[in-house]
PDB file of all heavy atoms in Angstrom:
ATOM      1  N   VAL A   1     -69.503-126.694 157.881  1.00  0.00           N
ATOM      2  CA  VAL A   1     -68.687-125.843 158.750  1.00  0.00           C
ATOM      3  C   VAL A   1     -69.546-125.240 159.865  1.00  0.00           C
ATOM      4  O   VAL A   1     -69.143-125.206 161.031  1.00  0.00           O
ATOM      5  CB  VAL A   1     -67.974-124.728 157.952  1.00  0.00           C
ATOM      6  CG1 VAL A   1     -67.302-123.743 158.877  1.00  0.00           C
ATOM      7  CG2 VAL A   1     -66.929-125.337 157.019  1.00  0.00           C
ATOM      8  N   ALA A   2     -70.714-124.753 159.496  1.00  0.00           N
ATOM      9  CA  ALA A   2     -71.621-124.148 160.471  1.00  0.00           C
ATOM     10  C   ALA A   2     -72.075-125.180 161.515  1.00  0.00           C
ATOM     11  O   ALA A   2     -72.135-124.872 162.720  1.00  0.00           O
ATOM     12  CB  ALA A   2     -72.839-123.528 159.775  1.00  0.00           C
ATOM     13  N   ASN A   3     -72.379-126.385 161.044  1.00  0.00           N
ATOM     14  CA  ASN A   3     -72.842-127.435 161.972  1.00  0.00           C
ATOM     15  C   ASN A   3     -71.727-127.943 162.884  1.00  0.00           C
ATOM     16  O   ASN A   3     -71.998-128.519 163.936  1.00  0.00           O
ATOM     17  CB  ASN A   3     -73.437-128.599 161.176  1.00  0.00           C
ATOM     18  CG  ASN A   3     -74.723-128.223 160.460  1.00  0.00           C
ATOM     19  OD1 ASN A   3     -75.442-127.331 160.893  1.00  0.00           O
ATOM     20  ND2 ASN A   3     -75.029-128.917 159.372  1.00  0.00           N
ATOM     21  N   ALA A   4     -70.461-127.767 162.418  1.00  0.00           N
ATOM     22  CA  ALA A   4     -69.337-128.245 163.212  1.00  0.00           C
ATOM     23  C   ALA A   4     -68.668-127.129 164.011  1.00  0.00           C
ATOM     24  O   ALA A   4     -67.500-127.216 164.382  1.00  0.00           O
ATOM     25  CB  ALA A   4     -68.290-128.886 162.275  1.00  0.00           C
ATOM     26  N   ALA A   5     -69.440-126.061 164.296  1.00  0.00           N
ATOM     27  CA  ALA A   5     -68.879-124.944 165.019  1.00  0.00           C
ATOM     28  C   ALA A   5     -68.361-125.367 166.397  1.00  0.00           C
ATOM     29  O   ALA A   5     -68.979-126.207 167.078  1.00  0.00           O
ATOM     30  CB  ALA A   5     -69.946-123.845 165.191  1.00  0.00           C
ATOM     31  N   GLU A   6     -67.237-124.839 166.766  1.00  0.00           N
ATOM     32  CA  GLU A   6     -66.600-125.188 168.023  1.00  0.00           C
ATOM     33  C   GLU A   6     -67.387-124.670 169.202  1.00  0.00           C
ATOM     34  O   GLU A   6     -67.866-123.541 169.202  1.00  0.00           O
ATOM     35  CB  GLU A   6     -65.181-124.617 168.038  1.00  0.00           C
ATOM     36  CG  GLU A   6     -64.320-125.072 169.197  1.00  0.00           C
ATOM     37  CD  GLU A   6     -62.872-124.562 169.066  1.00  0.00           C
ATOM     38  OE1 GLU A   6     -62.695-123.402 168.670  1.00  0.00           O
ATOM     39  OE2 GLU A   6     -61.970-125.354 169.341  1.00  0.00           O
ATOM     40  N   ASN A   7     -67.558-125.513 170.219  1.00  0.00           N
ATOM     41  CA  ASN A   7     -68.207-125.076 171.454  1.00  0.00           C
ATOM     42  C   ASN A   7     -67.269-124.139 172.212  1.00  0.00           C
ATOM     43  O   ASN A   7     -66.195-124.563 172.650  1.00  0.00           O
ATOM     44  CB  ASN A   7     -68.564-126.291 172.327  1.00  0.00           C
ATOM     45  CG  ASN A   7     -69.625-127.150 171.698  1.00  0.00           C
ATOM     46  OD1 ASN A   7     -70.533-126.668 171.035  1.00  0.00           O
ATOM     47  ND2 ASN A   7     -69.520-128.449 171.913  1.00  0.00           N
ATOM     48  N   ASP A   8     -67.633-122.893 172.295  1.00  0.00           N
ATOM     49  CA  ASP A   8     -66.756-121.868 172.842  1.00  0.00           C
ATOM     50  C   ASP A   8     -67.358-121.241 174.065  1.00  0.00           C
ATOM     51  O   ASP A   8     -68.568-120.917 174.098  1.00  0.00           O
ATOM     52  CB  ASP A   8     -66.474-120.826 171.789  1.00  0.00           C
ATOM     53  CG  ASP A   8     -65.151-120.137 171.974  1.00  0.00           C
ATOM     54  OD1 ASP A   8     -64.440-120.514 172.952  1.00  0.00           O
ATOM     55  OD2 ASP A   8     -64.764-119.254 171.190  1.00  0.00           O
ATOM     56  N   GLY A   9     -66.557-121.038 175.106  1.00  0.00           N
ATOM     57  CA  GLY A   9     -67.009-120.374 176.279  1.00  0.00           C
ATOM     58  C   GLY A   9     -67.004-118.853 176.098  1.00  0.00           C
ATOM     59  O   GLY A   9     -66.579-118.333 175.064  1.00  0.00           O
ATOM     60  N   VAL A  10     -67.484-118.145 177.085  1.00  0.00           N
ATOM     61  CA  VAL A  10     -67.580-116.679 176.994  1.00  0.00           C
ATOM     62  C   VAL A  10     -66.571-115.987 177.873  1.00  0.00           C
ATOM     63  O   VAL A  10     -66.299-114.784 177.689  1.00  0.00           O
ATOM     64  CB  VAL A  10     -68.994-116.232 177.392  1.00  0.00           C
ATOM     65  CG1 VAL A  10     -70.014-116.750 176.371  1.00  0.00           C
ATOM     66  CG2 VAL A  10     -69.379-116.654 178.797  1.00  0.00           C
ATOM     67  N   GLU A  11     -65.972-116.691 178.812  1.00  0.00           N
ATOM     68  CA  GLU A  11     -65.013-116.072 179.723  1.00  0.00           C
ATOM     69  C   GLU A  11     -63.651-115.945 179.042  1.00  0.00           C
ATOM     70  O   GLU A  11     -63.084-116.919 178.590  1.00  0.00           O
ATOM     71  CB  GLU A  11     -64.880-116.865 181.032  1.00  0.00           C
ATOM     72  CG  GLU A  11     -66.156-116.987 181.817  1.00  0.00           C
ATOM     73  CD  GLU A  11     -65.972-117.820 183.069  1.00  0.00           C
ATOM     74  OE1 GLU A  11     -64.800-118.219 183.376  1.00  0.00           O
ATOM     75  OE2 GLU A  11     -66.974-118.150 183.731  1.00  0.00           O
ATOM     76  N   LYS A  12     -63.131-114.731 178.982  1.00  0.00           N
ATOM     77  CA  LYS A  12     -61.825-114.485 178.376  1.00  0.00           C
ATOM     78  C   LYS A  12     -60.757-114.532 179.449  1.00  0.00           C
ATOM     79  O   LYS A  12     -60.912-113.990 180.548  1.00  0.00           O
ATOM     80  CB  LYS A  12     -61.812-113.155 177.627  1.00  0.00           C
ATOM     81  CG  LYS A  12     -62.686-113.152 176.376  1.00  0.00           C
ATOM     82  CD  LYS A  12     -62.459-111.891 175.569  1.00  0.00           C
ATOM     83  CE  LYS A  12     -63.272-111.938 174.276  1.00  0.00           C
ATOM     84  NZ  LYS A  12     -63.038-110.744 173.418  1.00  0.00           N
ATOM     85  N   ILE A  13     -59.641-115.177 179.117  1.00  0.00           N
ATOM     86  CA  ILE A  13     -58.522-115.242 180.002  1.00  0.00           C
ATOM     87  C   ILE A  13     -57.378-114.395 179.452  1.00  0.00           C
ATOM     88  O   ILE A  13     -57.074-114.451 178.258  1.00  0.00           O
ATOM     89  CB  ILE A  13     -58.079-116.722 180.206  1.00  0.00           C
ATOM     90  CG1 ILE A  13     -56.930-116.786 181.227  1.00  0.00           C
ATOM     91  CG2 ILE A  13     -57.682-117.374 178.897  1.00  0.00           C
ATOM     92  CD1 ILE A  13     -56.596-118.219 181.622  1.00  0.00           C
ATOM     93  N   HIS A  14     -56.786-113.584 180.266  1.00  0.00           N
ATOM     94  CA  HIS A  14     -55.738-112.635 179.837  1.00  0.00           C
ATOM     95  C   HIS A  14     -54.357-113.005 180.318  1.00  0.00           C
ATOM     96  O   HIS A  14     -53.356-112.454 179.853  1.00  0.00           O
ATOM     97  CB  HIS A  14     -56.097-111.232 180.318  1.00  0.00           C
ATOM     98  CG  HIS A  14     -57.447-110.745 179.851  1.00  0.00           C
ATOM     99  ND1 HIS A  14     -57.687-110.376 178.530  1.00  0.00           N
ATOM    100  CD2 HIS A  14     -58.623-110.614 180.509  1.00  0.00           C
ATOM    101  CE1 HIS A  14     -58.968-110.016 178.396  1.00  0.00           C
ATOM    102  NE2 HIS A  14     -59.564-110.145 179.588  1.00  0.00           N
ATOM    103  N   SER A  15     -54.285-113.994 181.248  1.00  0.00           N
ATOM    104  CA  SER A  15     -52.986-114.403 181.739  1.00  0.00           C
ATOM    105  C   SER A  15     -53.100-115.781 182.376  1.00  0.00           C
ATOM    106  O   SER A  15     -54.111-116.085 183.019  1.00  0.00           O
ATOM    107  CB  SER A  15     -52.467-113.389 182.763  1.00  0.00           C
ATOM    108  OG  SER A  15     -51.218-113.811 183.313  1.00  0.00           O
ATOM    109  N   ILE A  16     -52.076-116.596 182.182  1.00  0.00           N
ATOM    110  CA  ILE A  16     -52.025-117.910 182.860  1.00  0.00           C
ATOM    111  C   ILE A  16     -51.333-117.680 184.199  1.00  0.00           C
ATOM    112  O   ILE A  16     -50.137-117.993 184.374  1.00  0.00           O
ATOM    113  CB  ILE A  16     -51.300-118.949 182.003  1.00  0.00           C
ATOM    114  CG1 ILE A  16     -51.976-119.094 180.672  1.00  0.00           C
ATOM    115  CG2 ILE A  16     -51.267-120.300 182.721  1.00  0.00           C
ATOM    116  CD1 ILE A  16     -51.327-120.110 179.732  1.00  0.00           C
ATOM    117  N   ASN A  17     -52.060-117.075 185.117  1.00  0.00           N
ATOM    118  CA  ASN A  17     -51.490-116.709 186.395  1.00  0.00           C
ATOM    119  C   ASN A  17     -51.742-117.786 187.448  1.00  0.00           C
ATOM    120  O   ASN A  17     -52.507-117.633 188.385  1.00  0.00           O
ATOM    121  CB  ASN A  17     -52.063-115.371 186.865  1.00  0.00           C
ATOM    122  CG  ASN A  17     -51.313-114.821 188.066  1.00  0.00           C
ATOM    123  OD1 ASN A  17     -50.190-115.180 188.317  1.00  0.00           O
ATOM    124  ND2 ASN A  17     -52.012-113.974 188.841  1.00  0.00           N
ATOM    125  N   GLY A  18     -51.129-118.938 187.208  1.00  0.00           N
ATOM    126  CA  GLY A  18     -51.346-120.055 188.106  1.00  0.00           C
ATOM    127  C   GLY A  18     -51.070-121.383 187.410  1.00  0.00           C
ATOM    128  O   GLY A  18     -50.582-121.418 186.279  1.00  0.00           O
ATOM    129  N   SER A  19     -51.383-122.467 188.055  1.00  0.00           N
ATOM    130  CA  SER A  19     -51.119-123.795 187.526  1.00  0.00           C
ATOM    131  C   SER A  19     -52.225-124.252 186.582  1.00  0.00           C
ATOM    132  O   SER A  19     -53.360-123.759 186.624  1.00  0.00           O
ATOM    133  CB  SER A  19     -51.002-124.800 188.658  1.00  0.00           C
ATOM    134  OG  SER A  19     -49.923-124.441 189.549  1.00  0.00           O
ATOM    135  N   ILE A  20     -51.867-125.231 185.744  1.00  0.00           N
ATOM    136  CA  ILE A  20     -52.854-125.904 184.889  1.00  0.00           C
ATOM    137  C   ILE A  20     -53.067-127.275 185.539  1.00  0.00           C
ATOM    138  O   ILE A  20     -52.098-128.020 185.778  1.00  0.00           O
ATOM    139  CB  ILE A  20     -52.352-126.067 183.464  1.00  0.00           C
ATOM    140  CG1 ILE A  20     -52.124-124.670 182.851  1.00  0.00           C
ATOM    141  CG2 ILE A  20     -53.352-126.838 182.623  1.00  0.00           C
ATOM    142  CD1 ILE A  20     -51.495-124.694 181.484  1.00  0.00           C
ATOM    143  N   GLN A  21     -54.329-127.595 185.802  1.00  0.00           N
ATOM    144  CA  GLN A  21     -54.640-128.811 186.559  1.00  0.00           C
ATOM    145  C   GLN A  21     -55.541-129.739 185.746  1.00  0.00           C
ATOM    146  O   GLN A  21     -56.613-129.364 185.302  1.00  0.00           O
ATOM    147  CB  GLN A  21     -55.343-128.438 187.856  1.00  0.00           C
ATOM    148  CG  GLN A  21     -55.638-129.589 188.778  1.00  0.00           C
ATOM    149  CD  GLN A  21     -54.389-130.077 189.515  1.00  0.00           C
ATOM    150  OE1 GLN A  21     -53.589-129.265 189.990  1.00  0.00           O
ATOM    151  NE2 GLN A  21     -54.214-131.383 189.594  1.00  0.00           N
ATOM    152  N   PHE A  22     -55.060-130.989 185.512  1.00  0.00           N
ATOM    153  CA  PHE A  22     -55.887-132.054 184.933  1.00  0.00           C
ATOM    154  C   PHE A  22     -56.396-132.916 186.081  1.00  0.00           C
ATOM    155  O   PHE A  22     -55.594-133.406 186.903  1.00  0.00           O
ATOM    156  CB  PHE A  22     -55.075-132.928 183.995  1.00  0.00           C
ATOM    157  CG  PHE A  22     -54.871-132.363 182.611  1.00  0.00           C
ATOM    158  CD1 PHE A  22     -54.256-131.146 182.410  1.00  0.00           C
ATOM    159  CD2 PHE A  22     -55.324-133.060 181.484  1.00  0.00           C
ATOM    160  CE1 PHE A  22     -54.051-130.623 181.127  1.00  0.00           C
ATOM    161  CE2 PHE A  22     -55.161-132.557 180.214  1.00  0.00           C
ATOM    162  CZ  PHE A  22     -54.530-131.327 180.030  1.00  0.00           C
ATOM    163  N   THR A  23     -57.691-133.144 186.168  1.00  0.00           N
ATOM    164  CA  THR A  23     -58.270-133.948 187.253  1.00  0.00           C
ATOM    165  C   THR A  23     -59.135-135.052 186.685  1.00  0.00           C
ATOM    166  O   THR A  23     -60.233-134.771 186.111  1.00  0.00           O
ATOM    167  CB  THR A  23     -59.115-133.077 188.208  1.00  0.00           C
ATOM    168  OG1 THR A  23     -58.306-131.990 188.691  1.00  0.00           O
ATOM    169  CG2 THR A  23     -59.613-133.892 189.387  1.00  0.00           C
ATOM    170  N   ASN A  24     -58.693-136.289 186.791  1.00  0.00           N
ATOM    171  CA  ASN A  24     -59.425-137.462 186.333  1.00  0.00           C
ATOM    172  C   ASN A  24     -59.933-137.295 184.888  1.00  0.00           C
ATOM    173  O   ASN A  24     -61.080-137.634 184.549  1.00  0.00           O
ATOM    174  CB  ASN A  24     -60.628-137.754 187.246  1.00  0.00           C
ATOM    175  CG  ASN A  24     -60.184-138.094 188.649  1.00  0.00           C
ATOM    176  OD1 ASN A  24     -59.178-138.759 188.860  1.00  0.00           O
ATOM    177  ND2 ASN A  24     -60.938-137.595 189.666  1.00  0.00           N
ATOM    178  N   VAL A  25     -59.095-136.810 184.014  1.00  0.00           N
ATOM    179  CA  VAL A  25     -59.471-136.525 182.646  1.00  0.00           C
ATOM    180  C   VAL A  25     -59.488-137.793 181.801  1.00  0.00           C
ATOM    181  O   VAL A  25     -58.561-138.613 181.883  1.00  0.00           O
ATOM    182  CB  VAL A  25     -58.527-135.487 181.987  1.00  0.00           C
ATOM    183  CG1 VAL A  25     -58.771-135.357 180.492  1.00  0.00           C
ATOM    184  CG2 VAL A  25     -58.700-134.140 182.671  1.00  0.00           C
TER     185      VAL A  25
END
């Protein structure tokens, strides 16, 4: 479980105030 820890960012988002954009994913 420890070795499979999720890669997590540090920036917290409090609202989806805009569009969600997929670019060449």
